[in-house]
Each structure stands twice: as C-alpha cells, then as structure tokens.
C-alpha cells in the first residue's frame, strides 16, 4: 500500500471504535454492556445520561484508565485492550483531555501550565513558545500568560485547561464535564470554543449533563442508560429513544 493510500485509509477509519465492549467491576457493577459504537475523525459528539449510566466508564476506557472485560476498543489507531502498560503515556499524548475541575498547577503561571504539557513530550523551547502562544491566543488568554491560576475566574481557568489540551495538536479532545464548574454564560463560551476547534478538524467527545447546551449546539448525541447505548442521534435530539 502506498503512503497516500495508507494516509487515506487512516483518515477513513473511525477515530474511536467499540465492538462488543462490556465492563464489570470487581464490586459486581455492570458499568457497560455490549457497547458498539463508531466515532469518525472530525466529529463532535456529546455523551449524555443519568448518573450511573456508564459515562465515566466509557471515558475511562477511551483514555485507557480501565480495560474492558470483553470486546475490542480502537482509539487513534491503538488497540487498547492489547496495549502494554509502558505504551499508555505515549498513547495519551495523542489526545487532549479537559477536566471538570481544571487541574491546573497552582504555583505555575498560565503560560507554564500550558507549556508543561509540551515539556513532558520533550519539545524544544522554541516550539513550546510558538505553540503555547498560539493555544492561548485561540482561547482568548494571551494577555493572561503571566497570571497565576488563583488570579483567574473559573471560566478563565477552564480555558487554560482547554489551551493545555490543544497545545500538542491532538486529533482527539476528550472533555469530561468541562462546563460543570462554570456559569451558564461561560458554559456556552466553552462549547463554542470546542465547536470552533472541531471545525478546524479536531474530533471532540464531550460528556455533559447540560441538555440545553446539547440542544443549542446540535451535534451528534450518544445517550447511555444502565450501561447501554439507548440513543445515537444527530442534531441535538436527546429524548427520542427514552
């Protein structure tokens, strides 16, 4: 196969694919039951469902924080159940992760928090300066580069988290309740930023409880209930199969 055909095949392949995935914890909790799903390169997907529906387990399996009991999971071309432990850090560098609780390093500036994500990959200082400046500009925080996290609002801290997720140019962004600790106006701004990033070609997978955001933005919606996918709809429709 030529290099061009290999590139085309990679582009056409799902960026995330679950086949017959089930996860049962040692407590006996059946978190996921026979989940089959494909998420293609360049999609924006909301993941919704009540507490205990399986959303957290779904995300942990994608990040390879957990392994399934049965089934196969392919993410960014990596076969996660068969992945060796030493490969996990390299795999995680192919994605950007945005957390609900920001997880900024309190004694580092905004610039240093974002740059840290590149330092761990061994990037040189020039490359770091270029990418961090670009990421902070994209989220509207270039002028806050020297600020400390405690000098920022909750919404600004989440935008720092988003810049940190973007700085290594990942193909995939995982956003786990990124609007959970910010006000409604900032929630809308965060999802608007994620939508703009998605339009530039990055796949976005976002867990949320905010059904208003889901309806307003109209992206694909996957709904989980008792460990199963009960709806998979386009256009922000979230109640059809309930």
C-alpha atoms as a PDB file:
ATOM      1  CA  UNK A   1       0.000   0.000   0.000  1.00  0.00           C
ATOM      2  CA  UNK A   2       1.359   3.419  -0.954  1.00  0.00           C
ATOM      3  CA  UNK A   3       1.887   6.137   1.671  1.00  0.00           C
ATOM      4  CA  UNK A   4      -1.001   8.127   0.163  1.00  0.00           C
ATOM      5  CA  UNK A   5      -3.367   5.155   0.412  1.00  0.00           C
ATOM      6  CA  UNK A   6      -2.244   4.468   3.988  1.00  0.00           C
ATOM      7  CA  UNK A   7      -2.980   8.071   4.921  1.00  0.00           C
ATOM      8  CA  UNK A   8      -6.391   7.918   3.236  1.00  0.00           C
ATOM      9  CA  UNK A   9      -7.242   4.629   4.961  1.00  0.00           C
ATOM     10  CA  UNK A  10      -6.285   6.089   8.335  1.00  0.00           C
ATOM     11  CA  UNK A  11      -8.464   9.136   7.681  1.00  0.00           C
ATOM     12  CA  UNK A  12     -11.463   6.985   6.761  1.00  0.00           C
ATOM     13  CA  UNK A  13     -11.106   4.682   9.779  1.00  0.00           C
ATOM     14  CA  UNK A  14     -13.114   5.583  12.907  1.00  0.00           C
ATOM     15  CA  UNK A  15     -11.063   7.513  15.442  1.00  0.00           C
ATOM     16  CA  UNK A  16     -12.916   5.607  18.193  1.00  0.00           C
ATOM     17  CA  UNK A  17     -14.488   2.180  17.778  1.00  0.00           C
ATOM     18  CA  UNK A  18     -16.038  -0.084  20.415  1.00  0.00           C
ATOM     19  CA  UNK A  19     -17.004  -3.628  19.429  1.00  0.00           C
ATOM     20  CA  UNK A  20     -18.959  -5.718  21.935  1.00  0.00           C
ATOM     21  CA  UNK A  21     -17.448  -3.891  24.909  1.00  0.00           C
ATOM     22  CA  UNK A  22     -18.545  -4.814  28.414  1.00  0.00           C
ATOM     23  CA  UNK A  23     -17.067  -3.714  31.729  1.00  0.00           C
ATOM     24  CA  UNK A  24     -17.849  -5.309  35.078  1.00  0.00           C
ATOM     25  CA  UNK A  25     -16.078  -4.019  38.186  1.00  0.00           C
ATOM     26  CA  UNK A  26     -14.906  -6.282  40.996  1.00  0.00           C
ATOM     27  CA  UNK A  27     -17.807  -4.938  43.072  1.00  0.00           C
ATOM     28  CA  UNK A  28     -20.136  -6.665  40.606  1.00  0.00           C
ATOM     29  CA  UNK A  29     -21.298  -3.422  38.992  1.00  0.00           C
ATOM     30  CA  UNK A  30     -22.071  -3.879  35.291  1.00  0.00           C
ATOM     31  CA  UNK A  31     -20.908  -0.478  34.052  1.00  0.00           C
ATOM     32  CA  UNK A  32     -21.111  -1.181  30.297  1.00  0.00           C
ATOM     33  CA  UNK A  33     -22.968  -3.949  28.479  1.00  0.00           C
ATOM     34  CA  UNK A  34     -22.155  -4.949  24.893  1.00  0.00           C
ATOM     35  CA  UNK A  35     -21.420  -1.430  23.640  1.00  0.00           C
ATOM     36  CA  UNK A  36     -20.867  -0.984  19.899  1.00  0.00           C
ATOM     37  CA  UNK A  37     -20.085   2.495  18.588  1.00  0.00           C
ATOM     38  CA  UNK A  38     -18.056   4.281  15.925  1.00  0.00           C
ATOM     39  CA  UNK A  39     -16.938   7.908  16.128  1.00  0.00           C
ATOM     40  CA  UNK A  40     -15.372   9.193  12.944  1.00  0.00           C
ATOM     41  CA  UNK A  41     -12.463  11.582  12.506  1.00  0.00           C
ATOM     42  CA  UNK A  42     -13.708  15.178  12.687  1.00  0.00           C
ATOM     43  CA  UNK A  43     -16.981  14.557  14.553  1.00  0.00           C
ATOM     44  CA  UNK A  44     -18.259  16.449  17.612  1.00  0.00           C
ATOM     45  CA  UNK A  45     -20.133  14.087  19.915  1.00  0.00           C
ATOM     46  CA  UNK A  46     -21.958  14.758  23.171  1.00  0.00           C
ATOM     47  CA  UNK A  47     -22.224  11.849  25.624  1.00  0.00           C
ATOM     48  CA  UNK A  48     -25.226  12.131  27.951  1.00  0.00           C
ATOM     49  CA  UNK A  49     -27.016  10.020  30.524  1.00  0.00           C
ATOM     50  CA  UNK A  50     -28.047   9.992  34.171  1.00  0.00           C
ATOM     51  CA  UNK A  51     -25.577   9.354  36.988  1.00  0.00           C
ATOM     52  CA  UNK A  52     -24.597   5.703  36.920  1.00  0.00           C
ATOM     53  CA  UNK A  53     -25.430   5.317  33.228  1.00  0.00           C
ATOM     54  CA  UNK A  54     -21.842   4.372  32.334  1.00  0.00           C
ATOM     55  CA  UNK A  55     -20.467   7.696  31.031  1.00  0.00           C
ATOM     56  CA  UNK A  56     -17.431   7.754  33.331  1.00  0.00           C
ATOM     57  CA  UNK A  57     -16.523   4.170  32.493  1.00  0.00           C
ATOM     58  CA  UNK A  58     -16.951   4.894  28.779  1.00  0.00           C
ATOM     59  CA  UNK A  59     -14.461   7.770  29.041  1.00  0.00           C
ATOM     60  CA  UNK A  60     -12.035   5.841  31.256  1.00  0.00           C
ATOM     61  CA  UNK A  61     -11.929   3.035  28.695  1.00  0.00           C
ATOM     62  CA  UNK A  62     -11.178   5.537  25.906  1.00  0.00           C
ATOM     63  CA  UNK A  63      -8.335   7.047  27.969  1.00  0.00           C
ATOM     64  CA  UNK A  64      -7.167   3.549  28.908  1.00  0.00           C
ATOM     65  CA  UNK A  65      -7.615   4.187  32.611  1.00  0.00           C
ATOM     66  CA  UNK A  66      -9.658   0.983  32.643  1.00  0.00           C
ATOM     67  CA  UNK A  67      -9.653  -2.151  30.471  1.00  0.00           C
ATOM     68  CA  UNK A  68     -12.806  -3.935  29.267  1.00  0.00           C
ATOM     69  CA  UNK A  69     -13.714  -7.444  30.368  1.00  0.00           C
ATOM     70  CA  UNK A  70     -14.791  -8.274  26.825  1.00  0.00           C
ATOM     71  CA  UNK A  71     -14.709  -6.621  23.427  1.00  0.00           C
ATOM     72  CA  UNK A  72     -12.260  -4.517  21.451  1.00  0.00           C
ATOM     73  CA  UNK A  73     -11.503  -0.778  21.645  1.00  0.00           C
ATOM     74  CA  UNK A  74      -9.552   1.092  18.988  1.00  0.00           C
ATOM     75  CA  UNK A  75      -8.670   4.756  19.648  1.00  0.00           C
ATOM     76  CA  UNK A  76      -6.393   6.791  17.380  1.00  0.00           C
ATOM     77  CA  UNK A  77      -5.237   3.542  15.791  1.00  0.00           C
ATOM     78  CA  UNK A  78      -4.248   1.968  19.129  1.00  0.00           C
ATOM     79  CA  UNK A  79      -5.713  -1.382  20.234  1.00  0.00           C
ATOM     80  CA  UNK A  80      -6.338  -0.507  23.881  1.00  0.00           C
ATOM     81  CA  UNK A  81      -7.058  -3.922  25.455  1.00  0.00           C
ATOM     82  CA  UNK A  82      -3.820  -5.291  23.966  1.00  0.00           C
ATOM     83  CA  UNK A  83      -1.729  -2.224  24.780  1.00  0.00           C
ATOM     84  CA  UNK A  84       1.263  -2.729  27.066  1.00  0.00           C
ATOM     85  CA  UNK A  85       1.398  -0.545  30.170  1.00  0.00           C
ATOM     86  CA  UNK A  86       4.551   1.231  29.000  1.00  0.00           C
ATOM     87  CA  UNK A  87       2.724   2.378  25.833  1.00  0.00           C
ATOM     88  CA  UNK A  88      -0.060   4.170  27.729  1.00  0.00           C
ATOM     89  CA  UNK A  89       1.746   7.518  28.281  1.00  0.00           C
ATOM     90  CA  UNK A  90       2.638   7.707  24.568  1.00  0.00           C
ATOM     91  CA  UNK A  91      -0.951   6.880  23.619  1.00  0.00           C
ATOM     92  CA  UNK A  92      -2.352   9.610  25.883  1.00  0.00           C
ATOM     93  CA  UNK A  93      -0.170  12.199  24.174  1.00  0.00           C
ATOM     94  CA  UNK A  94      -2.258  11.665  21.021  1.00  0.00           C
ATOM     95  CA  UNK A  95      -5.272  13.219  22.742  1.00  0.00           C
ATOM     96  CA  UNK A  96      -6.068  16.360  24.705  1.00  0.00           C
ATOM     97  CA  UNK A  97      -8.058  15.987  27.920  1.00  0.00           C
ATOM     98  CA  UNK A  98     -10.171  18.694  29.563  1.00  0.00           C
ATOM     99  CA  UNK A  99     -11.359  18.033  33.118  1.00  0.00           C
ATOM    100  CA  UNK A 100     -14.285  19.421  35.108  1.00  0.00           C
ATOM    101  CA  UNK A 101     -12.031  20.521  37.984  1.00  0.00           C
ATOM    102  CA  UNK A 102      -9.441  22.283  35.766  1.00  0.00           C
ATOM    103  CA  UNK A 103      -6.392  20.512  37.368  1.00  0.00           C
ATOM    104  CA  UNK A 104      -4.074  23.471  36.926  1.00  0.00           C
ATOM    105  CA  UNK A 105      -0.763  23.515  38.812  1.00  0.00           C
ATOM    106  CA  UNK A 106      -1.276  26.345  41.358  1.00  0.00           C
ATOM    107  CA  UNK A 107       2.350  27.525  41.608  1.00  0.00           C
ATOM    108  CA  UNK A 108       2.787  27.801  37.823  1.00  0.00           C
ATOM    109  CA  UNK A 109       1.697  30.695  35.602  1.00  0.00           C
ATOM    110  CA  UNK A 110      -0.873  30.265  32.855  1.00  0.00           C
ATOM    111  CA  UNK A 111       1.962  30.018  30.309  1.00  0.00           C
ATOM    112  CA  UNK A 112       3.830  27.425  32.402  1.00  0.00           C
ATOM    113  CA  UNK A 113       0.697  25.309  32.907  1.00  0.00           C
ATOM    114  CA  UNK A 114       0.146  25.088  29.165  1.00  0.00           C
ATOM    115  CA  UNK A 115       3.853  24.649  28.375  1.00  0.00           C
ATOM    116  CA  UNK A 116       4.093  21.766  30.858  1.00  0.00           C
ATOM    117  CA  UNK A 117       2.055  19.570  28.513  1.00  0.00           C
ATOM    118  CA  UNK A 118       4.775  20.055  25.867  1.00  0.00           C
ATOM    119  CA  UNK A 119       7.761  19.726  28.202  1.00  0.00           C
ATOM    120  CA  UNK A 120       6.754  16.151  29.028  1.00  0.00           C
ATOM    121  CA  UNK A 121       6.930  15.286  25.319  1.00  0.00           C
ATOM    122  CA  UNK A 122      10.488  16.622  25.023  1.00  0.00           C
ATOM    123  CA  UNK A 123       9.617  19.593  22.792  1.00  0.00           C
ATOM    124  CA  UNK A 124      12.286  22.296  22.417  1.00  0.00           C
ATOM    125  CA  UNK A 125      11.858  25.789  23.862  1.00  0.00           C
ATOM    126  CA  UNK A 126      11.234  27.490  20.513  1.00  0.00           C
ATOM    127  CA  UNK A 127       8.490  25.046  19.584  1.00  0.00           C
ATOM    128  CA  UNK A 128       6.948  25.435  23.039  1.00  0.00           C
ATOM    129  CA  UNK A 129       6.867  29.240  22.758  1.00  0.00           C
ATOM    130  CA  UNK A 130       5.183  29.095  19.356  1.00  0.00           C
ATOM    131  CA  UNK A 131       2.570  26.502  20.317  1.00  0.00           C
ATOM    132  CA  UNK A 132       1.727  27.927  23.755  1.00  0.00           C
ATOM    133  CA  UNK A 133       1.287  31.435  22.324  1.00  0.00           C
ATOM    134  CA  UNK A 134      -0.952  30.032  19.596  1.00  0.00           C
ATOM    135  CA  UNK A 135      -3.060  27.987  22.048  1.00  0.00           C
ATOM    136  CA  UNK A 136      -3.516  30.894  24.497  1.00  0.00           C
ATOM    137  CA  UNK A 137      -4.499  33.222  21.660  1.00  0.00           C
ATOM    138  CA  UNK A 138      -7.066  30.710  20.415  1.00  0.00           C
ATOM    139  CA  UNK A 139      -8.803  30.608  23.821  1.00  0.00           C
ATOM    140  CA  UNK A 140      -8.516  34.380  24.311  1.00  0.00           C
ATOM    141  CA  UNK A 141      -5.981  34.336  27.159  1.00  0.00           C
ATOM    142  CA  UNK A 142      -2.794  35.633  25.556  1.00  0.00           C
ATOM    143  CA  UNK A 143      -2.795  38.660  27.875  1.00  0.00           C
ATOM    144  CA  UNK A 144      -3.105  36.385  30.944  1.00  0.00           C
ATOM    145  CA  UNK A 145       0.028  34.358  30.178  1.00  0.00           C
ATOM    146  CA  UNK A 146       1.888  35.597  33.292  1.00  0.00           C
ATOM    147  CA  UNK A 147      -1.118  35.308  35.630  1.00  0.00           C
ATOM    148  CA  UNK A 148      -1.383  32.645  38.322  1.00  0.00           C
ATOM    149  CA  UNK A 149      -4.394  30.307  38.397  1.00  0.00           C
ATOM    150  CA  UNK A 150      -5.786  31.902  41.576  1.00  0.00           C
ATOM    151  CA  UNK A 151      -5.952  35.238  39.744  1.00  0.00           C
ATOM    152  CA  UNK A 152      -8.367  33.824  37.157  1.00  0.00           C
ATOM    153  CA  UNK A 153     -12.111  33.252  37.142  1.00  0.00           C
ATOM    154  CA  UNK A 154     -13.425  29.711  36.894  1.00  0.00           C
ATOM    155  CA  UNK A 155     -14.192  30.207  33.214  1.00  0.00           C
ATOM    156  CA  UNK A 156     -10.676  31.506  32.543  1.00  0.00           C
ATOM    157  CA  UNK A 157      -9.161  28.542  34.378  1.00  0.00           C
ATOM    158  CA  UNK A 158     -11.171  26.178  32.192  1.00  0.00           C
ATOM    159  CA  UNK A 159      -9.937  27.981  29.091  1.00  0.00           C
ATOM    160  CA  UNK A 160      -6.371  27.423  30.333  1.00  0.00           C
ATOM    161  CA  UNK A 161      -7.264  23.743  30.605  1.00  0.00           C
ATOM    162  CA  UNK A 162      -8.532  23.844  27.045  1.00  0.00           C
ATOM    163  CA  UNK A 163      -5.334  25.536  25.818  1.00  0.00           C
ATOM    164  CA  UNK A 164      -3.304  22.834  27.582  1.00  0.00           C
ATOM    165  CA  UNK A 165      -5.360  20.150  25.824  1.00  0.00           C
ATOM    166  CA  UNK A 166      -4.795  21.836  22.447  1.00  0.00           C
ATOM    167  CA  UNK A 167      -1.113  22.671  22.654  1.00  0.00           C
ATOM    168  CA  UNK A 168       0.166  19.365  21.246  1.00  0.00           C
ATOM    169  CA  UNK A 169      -2.222  19.479  18.250  1.00  0.00           C
ATOM    170  CA  UNK A 170      -4.152  16.312  19.171  1.00  0.00           C
ATOM    171  CA  UNK A 171      -6.502  14.595  16.724  1.00  0.00           C
ATOM    172  CA  UNK A 172      -8.941  13.977  19.566  1.00  0.00           C
ATOM    173  CA  UNK A 173     -10.109  16.063  22.534  1.00  0.00           C
ATOM    174  CA  UNK A 174     -11.837  14.360  25.463  1.00  0.00           C
ATOM    175  CA  UNK A 175     -13.854  16.842  27.539  1.00  0.00           C
ATOM    176  CA  UNK A 176     -15.268  15.379  30.752  1.00  0.00           C
ATOM    177  CA  UNK A 177     -17.983  17.747  32.050  1.00  0.00           C
ATOM    178  CA  UNK A 178     -15.872  20.801  31.098  1.00  0.00           C
ATOM    179  CA  UNK A 179     -18.734  23.187  31.950  1.00  0.00           C
ATOM    180  CA  UNK A 180     -19.582  21.609  35.314  1.00  0.00           C
ATOM    181  CA  UNK A 181     -17.865  24.297  37.411  1.00  0.00           C
ATOM    182  CA  UNK A 182     -18.618  27.424  35.389  1.00  0.00           C
ATOM    183  CA  UNK A 183     -21.685  29.633  34.972  1.00  0.00           C
ATOM    184  CA  UNK A 184     -24.160  29.217  32.066  1.00  0.00           C
ATOM    185  CA  UNK A 185     -22.672  32.056  30.017  1.00  0.00           C
ATOM    186  CA  UNK A 186     -19.157  30.647  30.285  1.00  0.00           C
ATOM    187  CA  UNK A 187     -20.510  27.138  29.592  1.00  0.00           C
ATOM    188  CA  UNK A 188     -21.786  28.392  26.246  1.00  0.00           C
ATOM    189  CA  UNK A 189     -18.426  30.060  25.517  1.00  0.00           C
ATOM    190  CA  UNK A 190     -16.502  26.865  26.328  1.00  0.00           C
ATOM    191  CA  UNK A 191     -18.648  24.756  23.991  1.00  0.00           C
ATOM    192  CA  UNK A 192     -18.423  27.472  21.324  1.00  0.00           C
ATOM    193  CA  UNK A 193     -14.633  27.254  21.568  1.00  0.00           C
ATOM    194  CA  UNK A 194     -14.752  23.464  21.333  1.00  0.00           C
ATOM    195  CA  UNK A 195     -17.032  23.778  18.298  1.00  0.00           C
ATOM    196  CA  UNK A 196     -14.600  26.171  16.613  1.00  0.00           C
ATOM    197  CA  UNK A 197     -11.731  23.780  17.342  1.00  0.00           C
ATOM    198  CA  UNK A 198     -13.817  20.956  15.893  1.00  0.00           C
ATOM    199  CA  UNK A 199     -14.389  22.964  12.698  1.00  0.00           C
ATOM    200  CA  UNK A 200     -10.607  23.053  12.271  1.00  0.00           C
ATOM    201  CA  UNK A 201     -10.567  19.256  12.095  1.00  0.00           C
ATOM    202  CA  UNK A 202     -10.140  18.054  15.686  1.00  0.00           C
ATOM    203  CA  UNK A 203     -12.533  15.352  16.890  1.00  0.00           C
ATOM    204  CA  UNK A 204     -14.321  16.338  20.128  1.00  0.00           C
ATOM    205  CA  UNK A 205     -16.004  13.958  22.583  1.00  0.00           C
ATOM    206  CA  UNK A 206     -17.749  15.758  25.442  1.00  0.00           C
ATOM    207  CA  UNK A 207     -19.617  14.374  28.442  1.00  0.00           C
ATOM    208  CA  UNK A 208     -22.297  16.711  29.782  1.00  0.00           C
ATOM    209  CA  UNK A 209     -25.413  16.878  31.945  1.00  0.00           C
ATOM    210  CA  UNK A 210     -26.461  20.173  30.363  1.00  0.00           C
ATOM    211  CA  UNK A 211     -29.265  19.307  27.949  1.00  0.00           C
ATOM    212  CA  UNK A 212     -29.705  22.964  26.964  1.00  0.00           C
ATOM    213  CA  UNK A 213     -26.152  23.013  25.572  1.00  0.00           C
ATOM    214  CA  UNK A 214     -26.815  19.771  23.712  1.00  0.00           C
ATOM    215  CA  UNK A 215     -29.939  21.171  22.081  1.00  0.00           C
ATOM    216  CA  UNK A 216     -28.426  24.571  21.280  1.00  0.00           C
ATOM    217  CA  UNK A 217     -25.342  23.242  19.502  1.00  0.00           C
ATOM    218  CA  UNK A 218     -26.983  20.400  17.610  1.00  0.00           C
ATOM    219  CA  UNK A 219     -24.052  17.984  17.476  1.00  0.00           C
ATOM    220  CA  UNK A 220     -24.342  14.186  17.469  1.00  0.00           C
ATOM    221  CA  UNK A 221     -25.596  12.810  20.791  1.00  0.00           C
ATOM    222  CA  UNK A 222     -24.886   9.389  22.299  1.00  0.00           C
ATOM    223  CA  UNK A 223     -27.102   8.543  25.258  1.00  0.00           C
ATOM    224  CA  UNK A 224     -26.159   5.890  27.790  1.00  0.00           C
ATOM    225  CA  UNK A 225     -28.595   4.203  30.158  1.00  0.00           C
ATOM    226  CA  UNK A 226     -27.703   1.363  32.524  1.00  0.00           C
ATOM    227  CA  UNK A 227     -24.512   0.658  30.602  1.00  0.00           C
ATOM    228  CA  UNK A 228     -26.117   0.500  27.175  1.00  0.00           C
ATOM    229  CA  UNK A 229     -26.412   2.950  24.290  1.00  0.00           C
ATOM    230  CA  UNK A 230     -30.110   3.752  24.071  1.00  0.00           C
ATOM    231  CA  UNK A 231     -29.904   6.619  21.545  1.00  0.00           C
ATOM    232  CA  UNK A 232     -27.438   7.835  18.940  1.00  0.00           C
ATOM    233  CA  UNK A 233     -28.828  10.886  17.206  1.00  0.00           C
ATOM    234  CA  UNK A 234     -27.726  13.867  15.176  1.00  0.00           C
ATOM    235  CA  UNK A 235     -28.977  17.394  15.647  1.00  0.00           C
ATOM    236  CA  UNK A 236     -29.044  17.613  19.441  1.00  0.00           C
ATOM    237  CA  UNK A 237     -32.103  15.368  19.906  1.00  0.00           C
ATOM    238  CA  UNK A 238     -31.812  13.598  23.222  1.00  0.00           C
ATOM    239  CA  UNK A 239     -35.224  12.179  24.111  1.00  0.00           C
ATOM    240  CA  UNK A 240     -36.296  10.128  21.098  1.00  0.00           C
ATOM    241  CA  UNK A 241     -35.455   6.651  22.381  1.00  0.00           C
ATOM    242  CA  UNK A 242     -36.257   7.114  26.059  1.00  0.00           C
END
